[in-house]
Amino acid sequence: MKNFLIDGLKESASYTRLLKNIKEELSPMMVYGVISESMGQLVYGLSRHTGRQLIFLSYEERRARNVYEDMVNLGGKNAYLFPKKELMFYNIDAHSNEEDNKRLEVLSKLAVGQNIVVCTSIEAIFDKIISKKKSKDMIRLIKLGQDLDLDDLLEFFILAGYERVAMVEAIGQFSLR
């Protein structure tokens, strides 16, 4: 199916050379000389024309977020933002896990090999993350009708970083009923 937003890119010699290099797995690659307003279109085109996992790495979070938003607006349903961790300079009672959940979603999709485009910054990739082995060890499959040891399950949730609350209101929480 024709896509007038990105098919014109294939008429550029440098773009076709870039596609060829990606196909031949010559990496890492750096692209320069593209104006900021066109970067989302370029990354979206590469994603559609290669069908591979891609990472757009920017020198700053704001630029990565802009490229991500451009891709989403172009129809890139496989685009994900990998944000940097929030810095906490003091103890607070209320903390949102939204950014952590976004990071975990991206990492889990990459781990299982889904065809996604990750838009991120240098600052975000230098944050310490869980190892792939530990991540796989923290997966527990629970089937309908399966008998479970309640104490083991509670311990697993706590070790996995879930928060025990009276009433579940957000991702990352659990309650015992």
Protein backbone atom coordinates (compact mmCIF):
# COMPACT_ATOMS: atom_id res chain seq x y z
CA MET A 1 0.00 0.00 0.00
CA LYS A 2 1.30 3.45 -0.95
CA ASN A 3 2.06 5.93 1.79
CA PHE A 4 2.56 9.41 0.39
CA LEU A 5 4.18 10.57 3.65
CA ILE A 6 7.20 8.27 3.33
CA ASP A 7 7.34 6.75 -0.17
CA GLY A 8 8.99 9.88 -1.53
CA LEU A 9 11.97 9.17 0.70
CA LYS A 10 12.92 6.23 -1.53
CA GLU A 11 13.70 8.66 -4.34
CA SER A 12 16.67 10.00 -2.35
CA ALA A 13 19.99 8.28 -3.04
CA SER A 14 21.20 8.80 0.53
CA TYR A 15 17.98 7.29 1.95
CA THR A 16 18.21 4.20 -0.27
CA ARG A 17 21.87 3.83 0.73
CA LEU A 18 20.80 4.03 4.37
CA LEU A 19 18.16 1.32 3.79
CA LYS A 20 20.79 -0.86 2.12
CA ASN A 21 23.19 -0.43 5.05
CA ILE A 22 20.45 -1.36 7.51
CA LYS A 23 19.58 -4.45 5.46
CA GLU A 24 23.26 -5.46 5.45
CA GLU A 25 23.34 -4.89 9.24
CA LEU A 26 26.11 -2.32 9.15
CA SER A 27 25.72 -0.72 12.55
CA PRO A 28 25.75 1.51 14.45
CA MET A 29 24.84 4.20 11.96
CA MET A 30 24.68 7.93 12.35
CA VAL A 31 22.52 10.21 10.26
CA TYR A 32 23.27 13.93 10.11
CA GLY A 33 22.10 16.91 8.08
CA VAL A 34 18.39 16.18 8.61
CA ILE A 35 16.38 19.14 9.90
CA SER A 36 14.62 18.53 13.21
CA GLU A 37 11.16 18.86 11.66
CA SER A 38 11.86 15.96 9.27
CA MET A 39 13.47 13.56 11.73
CA GLY A 40 10.17 11.95 12.78
CA GLN A 41 9.27 11.35 9.13
CA LEU A 42 12.70 9.83 8.45
CA VAL A 43 12.56 7.47 11.43
CA TYR A 44 8.95 6.54 10.63
CA GLY A 45 9.97 5.78 7.02
CA LEU A 46 12.91 3.64 8.14
CA SER A 47 10.64 1.72 10.47
CA ARG A 48 8.07 1.03 7.74
CA HIS A 49 10.62 0.26 5.01
CA THR A 50 12.85 -2.04 7.08
CA GLY A 51 10.39 -3.81 9.38
CA ARG A 52 13.04 -3.95 12.12
CA GLN A 53 13.57 -2.75 15.64
CA LEU A 54 15.08 0.73 15.57
CA ILE A 55 16.41 3.06 18.22
CA PHE A 56 16.42 6.81 17.72
CA LEU A 57 18.99 8.17 20.15
CA SER A 58 19.04 11.90 20.74
CA TYR A 59 21.35 14.16 22.69
CA GLU A 60 18.39 15.48 24.71
CA GLU A 61 15.08 14.17 26.06
CA ARG A 62 12.98 16.94 24.48
CA ARG A 63 14.16 16.09 20.98
CA ALA A 64 13.52 12.36 21.50
CA ARG A 65 10.00 13.18 22.72
CA ASN A 66 9.38 15.41 19.67
CA VAL A 67 10.45 12.66 17.24
CA TYR A 68 8.26 10.18 19.12
CA GLU A 69 5.25 12.51 18.91
CA ASP A 70 5.87 13.14 15.19
CA MET A 71 5.97 9.39 14.55
CA VAL A 72 2.72 8.84 16.45
CA ASN A 73 1.07 11.66 14.49
CA LEU A 74 2.24 10.07 11.23
CA GLY A 75 0.59 6.79 12.24
CA GLY A 76 3.52 5.03 13.87
CA LYS A 77 1.71 2.67 16.22
CA ASN A 78 4.98 0.88 16.96
CA ALA A 79 6.71 4.01 18.33
CA TYR A 80 7.62 4.11 22.02
CA LEU A 81 9.31 6.72 24.17
CA PHE A 82 11.93 5.46 26.62
CA PRO A 83 12.07 8.35 29.11
CA LYS A 84 14.82 9.15 31.53
CA LYS A 85 14.27 8.35 35.19
CA GLU A 86 12.85 11.07 37.39
CA LEU A 87 15.36 12.45 39.88
CA MET A 88 14.15 12.72 43.47
CA PHE A 89 16.15 15.16 45.59
CA TYR A 90 13.94 14.66 48.63
CA ASN A 91 11.51 12.12 50.09
CA ILE A 92 7.96 12.50 48.89
CA ASP A 93 4.83 10.69 49.94
CA ALA A 94 3.17 10.56 46.52
CA HIS A 95 5.20 9.30 43.58
CA SER A 96 3.91 8.35 40.16
CA ASN A 97 5.21 5.14 38.61
CA GLU A 98 4.05 6.19 35.14
CA GLU A 99 7.54 6.85 33.75
CA ASP A 100 8.88 3.61 35.25
CA ASN A 101 5.98 1.70 33.67
CA LYS A 102 6.73 3.25 30.27
CA ARG A 103 10.36 2.18 30.58
CA LEU A 104 9.39 -1.37 31.58
CA GLU A 105 6.92 -1.62 28.68
CA VAL A 106 9.64 -0.68 26.18
CA LEU A 107 12.16 -3.09 27.70
CA SER A 108 9.69 -5.98 27.68
CA LYS A 109 8.77 -5.37 24.02
CA LEU A 110 12.45 -5.26 23.06
CA ALA A 111 13.15 -8.45 25.04
CA VAL A 112 10.53 -10.46 23.18
CA GLY A 113 11.68 -9.08 19.80
CA GLN A 114 8.65 -6.97 18.87
CA ASN A 115 9.13 -4.68 15.89
CA ILE A 116 9.18 -1.31 17.64
CA VAL A 117 10.92 2.04 17.33
CA VAL A 118 12.37 3.38 20.55
CA CYS A 119 12.89 7.12 20.84
CA THR A 120 15.21 7.96 23.70
CA SER A 121 18.01 10.18 24.91
CA ILE A 122 21.58 9.53 25.97
CA GLU A 123 20.57 10.43 29.52
CA ALA A 124 17.88 7.73 29.55
CA ILE A 125 20.07 4.89 28.30
CA PHE A 126 22.70 5.54 30.94
CA ASP A 127 20.19 4.89 33.72
CA LYS A 128 20.76 1.57 35.43
CA ILE A 129 18.18 -1.06 34.47
CA ILE A 130 17.39 -4.60 35.47
CA SER A 131 19.36 -7.33 33.68
CA LYS A 132 17.62 -9.45 31.06
CA LYS A 133 18.13 -12.57 33.18
CA LYS A 134 16.60 -11.00 36.31
CA SER A 135 13.76 -9.65 34.22
CA LYS A 136 12.96 -13.13 32.92
CA ASP A 137 13.20 -14.55 36.45
CA MET A 138 10.54 -12.05 37.57
CA ILE A 139 7.90 -13.41 35.18
CA ARG A 140 5.28 -15.62 36.79
CA LEU A 141 2.54 -17.24 34.71
CA ILE A 142 -0.68 -17.80 36.62
CA LYS A 143 -3.39 -19.91 34.99
CA LEU A 144 -7.08 -19.90 35.75
CA GLY A 145 -7.92 -22.64 38.25
CA GLN A 146 -4.29 -23.13 39.31
CA ASP A 147 -3.64 -23.76 43.03
CA LEU A 148 -1.22 -21.21 44.49
CA ASP A 149 0.62 -20.82 47.79
CA LEU A 150 -0.62 -17.41 48.94
CA ASP A 151 2.49 -16.61 51.00
CA ASP A 152 4.79 -17.41 48.06
CA LEU A 153 2.69 -15.26 45.73
CA LEU A 154 2.71 -12.30 48.15
CA GLU A 155 6.48 -12.61 48.57
CA PHE A 156 6.91 -12.74 44.78
CA PHE A 157 4.86 -9.55 44.28
CA ILE A 158 6.86 -7.70 46.93
CA LEU A 159 10.21 -8.86 45.52
CA ALA A 160 9.03 -7.83 42.04
CA GLY A 161 8.51 -4.29 43.29
CA TYR A 162 4.73 -4.21 43.56
CA GLU A 163 3.20 -2.05 46.28
CA ARG A 164 0.68 -3.63 48.65
CA VAL A 165 -2.33 -1.35 49.10
CA ALA A 166 -5.87 -1.62 50.47
CA MET A 167 -7.42 -0.82 47.09
CA VAL A 168 -5.61 -1.09 43.74
CA GLU A 169 -5.69 2.23 41.87
CA ALA A 170 -2.65 2.08 39.61
CA ILE A 171 -0.25 -0.19 37.77
CA GLY A 172 2.32 -1.75 40.10
CA GLN A 173 -0.01 -2.23 43.04
CA PHE A 174 -1.66 -5.33 44.50
CA SER A 175 -4.23 -6.04 47.16
CA LEU A 176 -5.11 -9.14 49.15
CA ARG A 177 -8.82 -9.95 49.29
